[in-house]
Structure formats: structure tokens, C-alpha cells
Amino acid sequence: SSGINAEYGELISAGTDKTSQTREGYIIVETNFRVYAYTSNDLDIALIALFTEPLHRFHHFLVGHMTRESVQAALQNGITAQQILDFLRAHAHPQMLGNTPVIPATVTDQLFLWEMERTRISTDEGVLYSQFLSDADFRVVQEYAQNIGCVMWYNSQKRLLVVNKRGHNDVKKYWKTYKKEHGECS
């Protein structure tokens, strides 16, 4: 899967290489995220379809729409927002080249926002401690974990504690020692 994803990114990047293109640009991008492509070339159409939802296709003309879903699908396949923008700029219709910026700022900004959505959530492995028989036991372990800097999350009312993988062995050893010294009620 990751090999395929890398290929998509390389394919869209290769599509921006102007040295292989001798014809004029053929893409118009509007502020409403519509993409108009004056082409009948199957490769051009396939590349545009990687990040748009094709709406209409005629013999020498394609209308597509960039949506959150279509761009997210492209991002999931390893294509970056910057690669999409580079591709659109590299193939911009001469009519677009007179605009500053060439690609509407609303489109550029939204592509980067959609890309940032994918990276705003991060995951870390942790270990859940949940079998505390008293509030006092929970507090002792939670304070120890807090002091060594490995608490990821806790809920005192429900006696739940999540520590990161790095601190798990230390917390586990501390808890076993504490139970031996203070008597085990379980």
C-alpha cells in the first residue's frame, strides 16, 4: 500500500515537469473549487481525478470539483497539498497565468487546511491502570507516575490512569513494591 501511495505522489510530481510538456496549460481553477481541464488526454484526466470528483466529461473538456473528500483521498494516497498546487500551477491555462496568485488563495488555503486535518491527531501507546481498590491506592500511583512524568491521562473519580510505554515498567514496579509494603487487598 505504501508503495502505491509513493507512486501516486511521484506520478503527480512527474505531471508537473514542464520539460515533458510542449503544449500550453489547460487547467482553470475557480474560487468555488471547480476545475476545468481542456484536454482529452487520458493521463491528464486520470491525474486530475486523483484529487477531484469528476462532474462532466466531454470529448476535449473535463469539469471536476475539489471536495474535502476528494482531496483527503488524494492525501491518503500520498499526494501532498503542495504537489496538487504545483500540478495545477504547472498546467494552468494561459488565462490563469495573468492572475496573482495563479491559483485562487481560497483554494490554496483550503487545500493546506484539509492536509492539516490529517495531522492534527496523534496517537501514542499507553498502558491503562484501572483495578485500584481504593482512592488512596489510585492517588499514590497517580502521584508517582506524575512525578516521573509519564501520565498521559487520568480520571480520579473512576480511578483510571494511563501512563506512556516509557514509564510503564517503573510504575508497575513501584505499584508492586507499594502493595508488598502496605499490604495487598486484592
C-alpha atoms as a PDB file:
ATOM      1  CA  SER A   1       0.000   0.000   0.000  1.00  0.00           C
ATOM      2  CA  SER A   2       2.780   2.454   0.867  1.00  0.00           C
ATOM      3  CA  GLY A   3       4.487   1.643  -2.445  1.00  0.00           C
ATOM      4  CA  ILE A   4       1.302   2.552  -4.277  1.00  0.00           C
ATOM      5  CA  ASN A   5       0.988   5.741  -2.212  1.00  0.00           C
ATOM      6  CA  ALA A   6       4.538   6.767  -3.105  1.00  0.00           C
ATOM      7  CA  GLU A   7       3.769   6.097  -6.768  1.00  0.00           C
ATOM      8  CA  TYR A   8       0.777   8.481  -6.707  1.00  0.00           C
ATOM      9  CA  GLY A   9       2.917  11.240  -5.241  1.00  0.00           C
ATOM     10  CA  GLU A  10       5.631  10.596  -7.809  1.00  0.00           C
ATOM     11  CA  LEU A  11       3.077  10.479 -10.615  1.00  0.00           C
ATOM     12  CA  ILE A  12       1.533  13.826  -9.685  1.00  0.00           C
ATOM     13  CA  SER A  13       5.018  15.328  -9.235  1.00  0.00           C
ATOM     14  CA  ALA A  14       6.075  13.957 -12.616  1.00  0.00           C
ATOM     15  CA  GLY A  15       2.956  15.561 -14.068  1.00  0.00           C
ATOM     16  CA  THR A  16       4.329  18.953 -13.033  1.00  0.00           C
ATOM     17  CA  ASP A  17       7.524  18.525 -15.046  1.00  0.00           C
ATOM     18  CA  LYS A  18       7.175  21.197 -17.743  1.00  0.00           C
ATOM     19  CA  THR A  19      10.092  19.801 -19.756  1.00  0.00           C
ATOM     20  CA  SER A  20       7.916  16.905 -20.868  1.00  0.00           C
ATOM     21  CA  GLN A  21       5.078  19.263 -21.791  1.00  0.00           C
ATOM     22  CA  THR A  22       5.323  21.230 -25.005  1.00  0.00           C
ATOM     23  CA  ARG A  23       1.697  22.380 -25.157  1.00  0.00           C
ATOM     24  CA  GLU A  24       0.140  25.272 -23.290  1.00  0.00           C
ATOM     25  CA  GLY A  25      -1.559  24.916 -19.944  1.00  0.00           C
ATOM     26  CA  TYR A  26      -5.069  23.547 -19.968  1.00  0.00           C
ATOM     27  CA  ILE A  27      -6.428  23.867 -16.409  1.00  0.00           C
ATOM     28  CA  ILE A  28      -8.617  26.604 -14.950  1.00  0.00           C
ATOM     29  CA  VAL A  29      -9.330  26.622 -11.212  1.00  0.00           C
ATOM     30  CA  GLU A  30     -12.124  28.751  -9.797  1.00  0.00           C
ATOM     31  CA  THR A  31     -12.678  30.012  -6.250  1.00  0.00           C
ATOM     32  CA  ASN A  32     -15.641  27.633  -5.932  1.00  0.00           C
ATOM     33  CA  PHE A  33     -13.179  24.698  -6.260  1.00  0.00           C
ATOM     34  CA  ARG A  34     -14.298  23.823  -9.778  1.00  0.00           C
ATOM     35  CA  VAL A  35     -11.540  22.590 -12.043  1.00  0.00           C
ATOM     36  CA  TYR A  36     -11.927  22.902 -15.814  1.00  0.00           C
ATOM     37  CA  ALA A  37      -9.484  20.998 -17.993  1.00  0.00           C
ATOM     38  CA  TYR A  38      -9.312  21.484 -21.736  1.00  0.00           C
ATOM     39  CA  THR A  39      -7.886  18.058 -22.558  1.00  0.00           C
ATOM     40  CA  SER A  40      -8.782  14.666 -23.954  1.00  0.00           C
ATOM     41  CA  ASN A  41      -5.530  13.076 -22.755  1.00  0.00           C
ATOM     42  CA  ASP A  42      -6.370  10.084 -20.540  1.00  0.00           C
ATOM     43  CA  LEU A  43      -3.300  10.611 -18.335  1.00  0.00           C
ATOM     44  CA  ASP A  44      -4.225  14.268 -17.712  1.00  0.00           C
ATOM     45  CA  ILE A  45      -7.767  13.234 -16.843  1.00  0.00           C
ATOM     46  CA  ALA A  46      -6.553  10.452 -14.539  1.00  0.00           C
ATOM     47  CA  LEU A  47      -4.206  12.829 -12.716  1.00  0.00           C
ATOM     48  CA  ILE A  48      -6.958  15.407 -12.191  1.00  0.00           C
ATOM     49  CA  ALA A  49      -9.299  12.658 -11.000  1.00  0.00           C
ATOM     50  CA  LEU A  50      -6.804  11.828  -8.231  1.00  0.00           C
ATOM     51  CA  PHE A  51      -7.856  14.969  -6.313  1.00  0.00           C
ATOM     52  CA  THR A  52     -11.244  15.970  -7.792  1.00  0.00           C
ATOM     53  CA  GLU A  53     -14.663  14.477  -8.221  1.00  0.00           C
ATOM     54  CA  PRO A  54     -15.235  14.467 -11.988  1.00  0.00           C
ATOM     55  CA  LEU A  55     -18.616  16.060 -12.746  1.00  0.00           C
ATOM     56  CA  HIS A  56     -18.773  16.185 -16.551  1.00  0.00           C
ATOM     57  CA  ARG A  57     -16.591  14.779 -19.286  1.00  0.00           C
ATOM     58  CA  PHE A  58     -16.828  15.775 -22.901  1.00  0.00           C
ATOM     59  CA  HIS A  59     -14.555  14.937 -25.815  1.00  0.00           C
ATOM     60  CA  HIS A  60     -11.951  17.686 -25.112  1.00  0.00           C
ATOM     61  CA  PHE A  61     -13.166  19.019 -21.784  1.00  0.00           C
ATOM     62  CA  LEU A  62     -13.444  17.860 -18.168  1.00  0.00           C
ATOM     63  CA  VAL A  63     -15.206  19.540 -15.255  1.00  0.00           C
ATOM     64  CA  GLY A  64     -14.215  18.402 -11.788  1.00  0.00           C
ATOM     65  CA  HIS A  65     -14.832  19.626  -8.277  1.00  0.00           C
ATOM     66  CA  MET A  66     -12.288  19.579  -5.462  1.00  0.00           C
ATOM     67  CA  THR A  67     -14.074  18.499  -2.308  1.00  0.00           C
ATOM     68  CA  ARG A  68     -12.826  17.724   1.159  1.00  0.00           C
ATOM     69  CA  GLU A  69     -13.377  14.030   0.448  1.00  0.00           C
ATOM     70  CA  SER A  70     -11.627  14.013  -2.931  1.00  0.00           C
ATOM     71  CA  VAL A  71      -8.614  15.898  -1.576  1.00  0.00           C
ATOM     72  CA  GLN A  72      -8.498  13.716   1.557  1.00  0.00           C
ATOM     73  CA  ALA A  73      -8.459  10.645  -0.696  1.00  0.00           C
ATOM     74  CA  ALA A  74      -5.505  12.100  -2.605  1.00  0.00           C
ATOM     75  CA  LEU A  75      -3.710  12.901   0.651  1.00  0.00           C
ATOM     76  CA  GLN A  76      -4.353   9.362   1.854  1.00  0.00           C
ATOM     77  CA  ASN A  77      -2.727   8.093  -1.340  1.00  0.00           C
ATOM     78  CA  GLY A  78       0.466  10.029  -0.600  1.00  0.00           C
ATOM     79  CA  ILE A  79      -0.173  13.173  -2.633  1.00  0.00           C
ATOM     80  CA  THR A  80       0.522  16.390  -0.719  1.00  0.00           C
ATOM     81  CA  ALA A  81      -1.378  19.662  -0.959  1.00  0.00           C
ATOM     82  CA  GLN A  82       1.799  21.250  -2.312  1.00  0.00           C
ATOM     83  CA  GLN A  83       2.016  18.642  -5.089  1.00  0.00           C
ATOM     84  CA  ILE A  84      -1.599  19.321  -6.086  1.00  0.00           C
ATOM     85  CA  LEU A  85      -0.933  23.065  -6.190  1.00  0.00           C
ATOM     86  CA  ASP A  86       2.317  22.598  -8.128  1.00  0.00           C
ATOM     87  CA  PHE A  87       0.466  20.429 -10.646  1.00  0.00           C
ATOM     88  CA  LEU A  88      -2.328  22.994 -11.050  1.00  0.00           C
ATOM     89  CA  ARG A  89       0.174  25.852 -11.475  1.00  0.00           C
ATOM     90  CA  ALA A  90       2.337  23.892 -13.931  1.00  0.00           C
ATOM     91  CA  HIS A  91      -0.701  23.212 -16.129  1.00  0.00           C
ATOM     92  CA  ALA A  92      -2.534  26.492 -15.628  1.00  0.00           C
ATOM     93  CA  HIS A  93      -4.385  27.785 -18.673  1.00  0.00           C
ATOM     94  CA  PRO A  94      -2.825  30.975 -20.113  1.00  0.00           C
ATOM     95  CA  GLN A  95      -5.909  32.849 -18.889  1.00  0.00           C
ATOM     96  CA  MET A  96      -4.985  31.852 -15.297  1.00  0.00           C
ATOM     97  CA  LEU A  97      -1.380  33.000 -15.626  1.00  0.00           C
ATOM     98  CA  GLY A  98      -2.497  36.639 -15.550  1.00  0.00           C
ATOM     99  CA  ASN A  99      -3.927  36.155 -12.060  1.00  0.00           C
ATOM    100  CA  THR A 100      -1.916  36.865  -8.936  1.00  0.00           C
ATOM    101  CA  PRO A 101      -1.782  34.357  -7.390  1.00  0.00           C
ATOM    102  CA  VAL A 102      -2.288  31.927 -10.272  1.00  0.00           C
ATOM    103  CA  ILE A 103      -4.378  29.557  -8.123  1.00  0.00           C
ATOM    104  CA  PRO A 104      -7.027  31.386  -6.047  1.00  0.00           C
ATOM    105  CA  ALA A 105      -5.898  31.954  -2.461  1.00  0.00           C
ATOM    106  CA  THR A 106      -9.108  30.412  -1.108  1.00  0.00           C
ATOM    107  CA  VAL A 107      -8.300  27.154  -2.895  1.00  0.00           C
ATOM    108  CA  THR A 108      -4.656  27.179  -1.785  1.00  0.00           C
ATOM    109  CA  ASP A 109      -5.555  27.865   1.842  1.00  0.00           C
ATOM    110  CA  GLN A 110      -8.282  25.234   1.914  1.00  0.00           C
ATOM    111  CA  LEU A 111      -6.021  22.552   0.443  1.00  0.00           C
ATOM    112  CA  PHE A 112      -3.491  23.175   3.218  1.00  0.00           C
ATOM    113  CA  LEU A 113      -6.256  23.168   5.846  1.00  0.00           C
ATOM    114  CA  TRP A 114      -7.539  19.829   4.581  1.00  0.00           C
ATOM    115  CA  GLU A 115      -3.994  18.494   4.729  1.00  0.00           C
ATOM    116  CA  MET A 116      -3.535  19.776   8.292  1.00  0.00           C
ATOM    117  CA  GLU A 117      -6.747  17.984   9.346  1.00  0.00           C
ATOM    118  CA  ARG A 118      -4.983  14.705   8.733  1.00  0.00           C
ATOM    119  CA  THR A 119      -2.103  15.535  11.056  1.00  0.00           C
ATOM    120  CA  ARG A 120      -3.901  17.216  13.948  1.00  0.00           C
ATOM    121  CA  ILE A 121      -4.475  13.944  15.779  1.00  0.00           C
ATOM    122  CA  SER A 122      -1.542  11.941  17.019  1.00  0.00           C
ATOM    123  CA  THR A 123      -1.540   8.615  18.759  1.00  0.00           C
ATOM    124  CA  ASP A 124       0.784   7.349  21.443  1.00  0.00           C
ATOM    125  CA  GLU A 125       0.857   3.930  23.039  1.00  0.00           C
ATOM    126  CA  GLY A 126      -0.046   3.790  26.683  1.00  0.00           C
ATOM    127  CA  VAL A 127      -0.968   1.378  29.442  1.00  0.00           C
ATOM    128  CA  LEU A 128      -4.252   1.626  31.358  1.00  0.00           C
ATOM    129  CA  TYR A 129      -4.308   1.074  35.122  1.00  0.00           C
ATOM    130  CA  SER A 130      -7.869   0.531  36.284  1.00  0.00           C
ATOM    131  CA  GLN A 131      -8.029  -2.063  39.073  1.00  0.00           C
ATOM    132  CA  PHE A 132      -7.492   0.206  42.080  1.00  0.00           C
ATOM    133  CA  LEU A 133      -9.431  -0.953  45.153  1.00  0.00           C
ATOM    134  CA  SER A 134      -9.312   2.424  46.914  1.00  0.00           C
ATOM    135  CA  ASP A 135      -8.941   6.124  46.181  1.00  0.00           C
ATOM    136  CA  ALA A 136      -5.788   6.138  48.307  1.00  0.00           C
ATOM    137  CA  ASP A 137      -4.144   3.438  46.143  1.00  0.00           C
ATOM    138  CA  PHE A 138      -5.092   5.335  42.998  1.00  0.00           C
ATOM    139  CA  ARG A 139      -3.681   8.635  44.348  1.00  0.00           C
ATOM    140  CA  VAL A 140      -0.370   7.042  45.360  1.00  0.00           C
ATOM    141  CA  VAL A 141       0.215   5.521  41.927  1.00  0.00           C
ATOM    142  CA  GLN A 142      -1.080   8.595  40.060  1.00  0.00           C
ATOM    143  CA  GLU A 143       1.233  10.898  42.061  1.00  0.00           C
ATOM    144  CA  TYR A 144       4.232   8.629  41.469  1.00  0.00           C
ATOM    145  CA  ALA A 145       3.506   8.483  37.727  1.00  0.00           C
ATOM    146  CA  GLN A 146       3.014  12.256  37.671  1.00  0.00           C
ATOM    147  CA  ASN A 147       6.374  12.791  39.424  1.00  0.00           C
ATOM    148  CA  ILE A 148       8.269  10.699  36.882  1.00  0.00           C
ATOM    149  CA  GLY A 149       6.455  12.441  34.009  1.00  0.00           C
ATOM    150  CA  CYS A 150       4.689   9.518  32.380  1.00  0.00           C
ATOM    151  CA  VAL A 151       0.992  10.323  32.950  1.00  0.00           C
ATOM    152  CA  MET A 152      -0.864  10.632  29.673  1.00  0.00           C
ATOM    153  CA  TRP A 153      -4.372  10.867  31.167  1.00  0.00           C
ATOM    154  CA  TYR A 154      -6.238  10.132  34.363  1.00  0.00           C
ATOM    155  CA  ASN A 155      -9.734  10.220  35.856  1.00  0.00           C
ATOM    156  CA  SER A 156      -9.734  10.297  39.656  1.00  0.00           C
ATOM    157  CA  GLN A 157     -13.466   9.635  40.014  1.00  0.00           C
ATOM    158  CA  LYS A 158     -13.289   6.412  38.009  1.00  0.00           C
ATOM    159  CA  ARG A 159      -9.770   5.518  39.248  1.00  0.00           C
ATOM    160  CA  LEU A 160      -8.371   5.293  35.725  1.00  0.00           C
ATOM    161  CA  LEU A 161      -4.764   6.097  34.893  1.00  0.00           C
ATOM    162  CA  VAL A 162      -2.964   5.894  31.537  1.00  0.00           C
ATOM    163  CA  VAL A 163       0.829   6.041  31.503  1.00  0.00           C
ATOM    164  CA  ASN A 164       3.100   6.081  28.486  1.00  0.00           C
ATOM    165  CA  LYS A 165       5.031   2.975  27.444  1.00  0.00           C
ATOM    166  CA  ARG A 166       8.304   4.509  28.616  1.00  0.00           C
ATOM    167  CA  GLY A 167       7.105   4.827  32.215  1.00  0.00           C
ATOM    168  CA  HIS A 168       5.014   1.662  32.410  1.00  0.00           C
ATOM    169  CA  ASN A 169       7.731  -0.629  33.845  1.00  0.00           C
ATOM    170  CA  ASP A 170       8.679   1.916  36.529  1.00  0.00           C
ATOM    171  CA  VAL A 171       5.041   2.431  37.549  1.00  0.00           C
ATOM    172  CA  LYS A 172       4.403  -1.316  37.580  1.00  0.00           C
ATOM    173  CA  LYS A 173       7.496  -1.950  39.754  1.00  0.00           C
ATOM    174  CA  TYR A 174       6.523   0.901  42.105  1.00  0.00           C
ATOM    175  CA  TRP A 175       2.945  -0.414  42.419  1.00  0.00           C
ATOM    176  CA  LYS A 176       4.130  -3.971  43.219  1.00  0.00           C
ATOM    177  CA  THR A 177       6.579  -2.672  45.832  1.00  0.00           C
ATOM    178  CA  TYR A 178       3.927  -0.412  47.339  1.00  0.00           C
ATOM    179  CA  LYS A 179       1.415  -3.282  47.595  1.00  0.00           C
ATOM    180  CA  LYS A 180       4.015  -5.525  49.314  1.00  0.00           C
ATOM    181  CA  GLU A 181       4.934  -2.819  51.827  1.00  0.00           C
ATOM    182  CA  HIS A 182       1.391  -1.652  52.584  1.00  0.00           C
ATOM    183  CA  GLY A 183      -0.479  -4.904  52.270  1.00  0.00           C
ATOM    184  CA  GLU A 184      -2.401  -6.118  49.252  1.00  0.00           C
ATOM    185  CA  CYS A 185      -6.173  -6.041  49.441  1.00  0.00           C
ATOM    186  CA  SER A 186      -6.819  -7.734  46.122  1.00  0.00           C
END
